[in-house]
Amino acid sequence: MSKKPIVMCWSGGKDSALALHALQQSPDFEVVGLLTTITETYDRISMHGVRRELVEAQAESIGLPLTQVLIPPECVNETYQTRMRNTCLNYKEQGINHMAFGDLFLEDIRAYRDAQLAQVDMEAVYPLWGLDTRMLAGDFIRLGFRATLCCVDPKQIDPAFCGREFDNDLLAELPVSADPCGENGEFHTFVYDGPLFRQPIPCAKGEVVLRDNFWFCDILPTYKKAA
């Protein structure tokens, strides 16, 4: 029986990387592409603040095509839903009926995704759903993934965590109130190495700034783009 084609909703962070890794071991699905949202004016991943070229470098190293949904700054929900719906309808025309997400336990987020995909007769898949987040954080490190915290919510954890490596030392220093995977929005990450990649993404920590009540670390590409 052939595998069903599926698209991975890709943030460039550790949860989507772990979900993609799990899907690649699945007997039921074949991942045929990545999907991300880019804020047009800033040319960065929405919410994470990671530069577009770094997400493109991830996709190239993984070896999967990347679909980019462009949205305006301060995008209203109606605009977001319309653009995502059009993208999903395009997938449907290609025979793709499933989309995967790295969500872990937030029921309201899952209900929203399920409802939106149901409108275009697509189904959401959650490879990591319900798994223990401390175990997942440890698995991420054990599997050889490497990531940097690119966005921090200072209302939940210390801004000093922004720009740090996601490793065992960081996990030990997180407050007990923080989810080890940042599922409550405590932090977001950019993955630059690991078993998904044919080669690491050369990058360096740049300026750390406060913007819209969140701290962002500007991850800088250090490779030379092809002419």
Protein backbone atom coordinates (compact mmCIF):
# COMPACT_ATOMS: atom_id res chain seq x y z
CA MET A 1 0.00 0.00 0.00
CA SER A 2 1.52 3.34 -1.06
CA LYS A 3 2.15 6.09 1.45
CA LYS A 4 -0.09 9.15 1.55
CA PRO A 5 1.57 12.44 0.54
CA ILE A 6 1.71 15.00 3.35
CA VAL A 7 3.01 18.56 3.75
CA MET A 8 4.81 19.63 6.93
CA CYS A 9 3.84 23.01 8.36
CA TRP A 10 7.36 24.33 8.96
CA SER A 11 8.37 27.02 11.44
CA GLY A 12 12.09 26.29 11.27
CA GLY A 13 12.02 25.42 14.96
CA LYS A 14 12.59 22.32 17.02
CA ASP A 15 9.00 21.04 17.27
CA SER A 16 8.45 21.09 13.52
CA ALA A 17 11.87 19.45 13.10
CA LEU A 18 10.97 16.67 15.53
CA ALA A 19 7.58 16.21 13.86
CA LEU A 20 9.21 15.99 10.43
CA HIS A 21 11.74 13.49 11.77
CA ALA A 22 8.90 11.37 13.16
CA LEU A 23 7.00 11.52 9.86
CA GLN A 24 10.06 10.36 7.95
CA GLN A 25 9.91 7.15 10.00
CA SER A 26 6.16 6.72 9.41
CA PRO A 27 4.87 3.78 7.36
CA ASP A 28 1.75 5.78 6.46
CA PHE A 29 3.00 9.10 5.08
CA GLU A 30 5.54 10.49 2.63
CA VAL A 31 6.52 14.11 3.27
CA VAL A 32 6.45 15.90 -0.09
CA GLY A 33 7.01 19.49 0.97
CA LEU A 34 7.32 22.15 3.66
CA LEU A 35 4.96 25.08 4.22
CA THR A 36 5.84 28.30 6.04
CA THR A 37 4.43 31.80 6.45
CA ILE A 38 6.62 34.82 5.74
CA THR A 39 5.82 38.38 6.82
CA GLU A 40 6.21 40.37 3.62
CA THR A 41 7.66 43.69 4.81
CA TYR A 42 10.19 42.06 7.14
CA ASP A 43 11.01 39.05 4.93
CA ARG A 44 11.07 36.84 8.01
CA ILE A 45 9.16 33.87 9.42
CA SER A 46 6.07 35.12 11.19
CA MET A 47 6.49 35.19 15.00
CA HIS A 48 9.94 33.54 15.02
CA GLY A 49 11.57 36.49 13.25
CA VAL A 50 14.00 34.26 11.33
CA ARG A 51 15.24 35.52 7.97
CA ARG A 52 13.62 34.02 4.89
CA GLU A 53 16.93 32.94 3.37
CA LEU A 54 17.68 30.81 6.43
CA VAL A 55 14.38 28.94 6.10
CA GLU A 56 15.14 28.44 2.41
CA ALA A 57 18.57 27.10 3.39
CA GLN A 58 16.90 24.65 5.78
CA ALA A 59 14.60 23.35 3.05
CA GLU A 60 17.48 22.99 0.61
CA SER A 61 19.53 21.05 3.14
CA ILE A 62 16.55 18.83 4.01
CA GLY A 63 15.86 18.27 0.32
CA LEU A 64 12.17 19.23 0.26
CA PRO A 65 10.40 22.00 -1.69
CA LEU A 66 9.31 24.97 0.40
CA THR A 67 5.99 26.73 -0.16
CA GLN A 68 5.94 30.27 1.26
CA VAL A 69 2.65 31.94 2.16
CA LEU A 70 3.23 35.69 2.27
CA ILE A 71 1.23 37.68 4.82
CA PRO A 72 1.30 41.39 5.72
CA PRO A 73 2.56 42.71 9.07
CA GLU A 74 -0.13 42.64 11.77
CA CYS A 75 -2.07 40.30 9.53
CA VAL A 76 -5.78 40.05 10.32
CA ASN A 77 -7.20 36.55 10.61
CA GLU A 78 -9.39 36.88 7.51
CA THR A 79 -6.36 37.61 5.29
CA TYR A 80 -4.37 34.78 6.85
CA GLN A 81 -7.19 32.29 6.39
CA THR A 82 -7.80 33.31 2.78
CA ARG A 83 -4.16 32.91 1.78
CA MET A 84 -3.80 29.61 3.61
CA ARG A 85 -7.03 28.34 2.07
CA ASN A 86 -5.78 29.15 -1.43
CA THR A 87 -2.53 27.31 -0.68
CA CYS A 88 -4.42 24.29 0.62
CA LEU A 89 -6.65 24.20 -2.46
CA ASN A 90 -3.50 24.15 -4.58
CA TYR A 91 -2.25 21.17 -2.57
CA LYS A 92 -5.58 19.44 -3.10
CA GLU A 93 -5.18 19.81 -6.86
CA GLN A 94 -1.88 17.94 -6.50
CA GLY A 95 -3.56 15.10 -4.62
CA ILE A 96 -2.27 16.14 -1.19
CA ASN A 97 -4.93 15.75 1.49
CA HIS A 98 -2.91 15.85 4.70
CA MET A 99 -0.91 18.52 6.54
CA ALA A 100 1.28 17.90 9.59
CA PHE A 101 1.89 20.18 12.57
CA GLY A 102 4.36 20.13 15.46
CA ASP A 103 1.76 21.03 18.09
CA LEU A 104 2.10 19.22 21.40
CA PHE A 105 -0.88 19.76 23.69
CA LEU A 106 -2.77 23.04 23.14
CA GLU A 107 -6.32 21.89 22.44
CA ASP A 108 -7.58 25.25 21.13
CA ILE A 109 -4.83 25.45 18.52
CA ARG A 110 -5.55 21.91 17.37
CA ALA A 111 -9.28 22.60 17.14
CA TYR A 112 -8.61 25.70 15.02
CA ARG A 113 -6.32 23.83 12.62
CA ASP A 114 -8.76 20.93 12.30
CA ALA A 115 -11.64 23.28 11.55
CA GLN A 116 -9.74 25.28 8.93
CA LEU A 117 -8.52 22.19 7.08
CA ALA A 118 -11.96 20.59 7.22
CA GLN A 119 -13.25 23.49 5.12
CA VAL A 120 -11.07 22.31 2.22
CA ASP A 121 -11.53 18.60 2.98
CA MET A 122 -8.00 18.15 4.29
CA GLU A 123 -6.88 16.40 7.46
CA ALA A 124 -4.37 17.52 10.08
CA VAL A 125 -1.76 15.12 11.47
CA TYR A 126 0.06 15.68 14.78
CA PRO A 127 3.04 13.32 15.09
CA LEU A 128 4.07 14.59 18.55
CA TRP A 129 0.65 15.13 20.11
CA GLY A 130 0.37 14.22 23.78
CA LEU A 131 4.00 13.18 24.20
CA ASP A 132 5.84 14.29 27.33
CA THR A 133 7.54 17.59 26.51
CA ARG A 134 10.52 17.01 28.80
CA MET A 135 11.12 13.71 27.03
CA LEU A 136 10.79 15.42 23.64
CA ALA A 137 13.26 18.15 24.61
CA GLY A 138 15.75 15.47 25.66
CA ASP A 139 15.14 13.49 22.47
CA PHE A 140 15.83 16.58 20.37
CA ILE A 141 19.27 16.94 21.93
CA ARG A 142 19.99 13.19 22.00
CA LEU A 143 19.20 12.83 18.28
CA GLY A 144 21.86 15.42 17.47
CA PHE A 145 19.67 18.38 16.61
CA ARG A 146 21.08 21.83 17.34
CA ALA A 147 19.06 25.01 17.72
CA THR A 148 19.24 28.58 18.96
CA LEU A 149 16.52 30.43 20.86
CA CYS A 150 15.46 33.14 18.40
CA CYS A 151 12.46 34.58 20.29
CA VAL A 152 11.69 34.85 24.00
CA ASP A 153 8.62 36.05 25.88
CA PRO A 154 10.03 38.06 28.81
CA LYS A 155 6.77 37.67 30.71
CA GLN A 156 7.52 33.94 31.01
CA ILE A 157 11.30 33.50 31.03
CA ASP A 158 14.39 35.68 31.42
CA PRO A 159 15.34 37.63 28.24
CA ALA A 160 18.92 36.39 28.78
CA PHE A 161 17.81 33.07 27.30
CA CYS A 162 17.37 34.75 23.89
CA GLY A 163 20.18 33.73 21.55
CA ARG A 164 21.27 30.78 23.69
CA GLU A 165 21.81 27.24 22.47
CA PHE A 166 18.96 24.83 23.17
CA ASP A 167 20.89 22.26 25.21
CA ASN A 168 20.84 20.42 28.51
CA ASP A 169 22.31 23.40 30.38
CA LEU A 170 19.47 25.60 29.15
CA LEU A 171 16.86 23.01 30.11
CA ALA A 172 18.33 22.81 33.61
CA GLU A 173 18.13 26.58 33.99
CA LEU A 174 14.57 27.08 32.75
CA PRO A 175 12.14 28.03 35.52
CA VAL A 176 9.85 25.23 36.64
CA SER A 177 6.90 27.23 35.31
CA ALA A 178 8.26 27.02 31.75
CA ASP A 179 7.44 24.17 29.40
CA PRO A 180 10.69 22.48 28.27
CA CYS A 181 9.56 22.77 24.64
CA GLY A 182 8.19 26.30 25.00
CA GLU A 183 4.72 25.12 24.00
CA ASN A 184 3.05 27.94 25.91
CA GLY A 185 4.97 30.52 23.88
CA GLU A 186 7.87 30.88 26.32
CA PHE A 187 10.37 30.75 23.44
CA HIS A 188 10.88 29.80 19.80
CA THR A 189 13.93 28.24 18.16
CA PHE A 190 15.82 28.04 14.90
CA VAL A 191 17.26 24.61 14.04
CA TYR A 192 20.54 24.71 12.17
CA ASP A 193 21.79 21.13 12.37
CA GLY A 194 20.58 17.60 12.94
CA PRO A 195 19.63 14.30 11.30
CA LEU A 196 17.23 16.00 8.85
CA PHE A 197 19.98 18.04 7.22
CA ARG A 198 22.46 16.97 4.58
CA GLN A 199 24.73 19.71 5.93
CA PRO A 200 24.44 22.22 8.81
CA ILE A 201 23.16 25.76 8.17
CA PRO A 202 26.14 28.09 8.73
CA CYS A 203 24.89 30.89 10.97
CA ALA A 204 25.82 33.09 13.90
CA LYS A 205 24.10 34.96 16.71
CA GLY A 206 23.42 38.59 15.79
CA GLU A 207 21.79 41.50 17.58
CA VAL A 208 19.25 40.84 20.32
CA VAL A 209 16.41 43.38 20.31
CA LEU A 210 13.09 44.03 22.05
CA ARG A 211 10.23 44.33 19.56
CA ASP A 212 6.47 44.16 20.19
CA ASN A 213 7.09 43.01 23.78
CA PHE A 214 9.22 40.03 22.70
CA TRP A 215 12.98 39.63 22.60
CA PHE A 216 14.37 38.51 19.24
CA CYS A 217 17.85 37.27 18.35
CA ASP A 218 18.74 38.01 14.74
CA ILE A 219 20.25 34.78 13.43
CA LEU A 220 22.75 35.74 10.72
CA PRO A 221 23.64 33.53 7.75
CA THR A 222 27.40 33.09 7.46
CA TYR A 223 27.49 31.22 4.16
CA LYS A 224 28.02 32.77 0.74
CA LYS A 225 24.97 32.65 -1.52
CA ALA A 226 25.50 31.26 -4.99
CA ALA A 227 25.82 33.92 -7.70
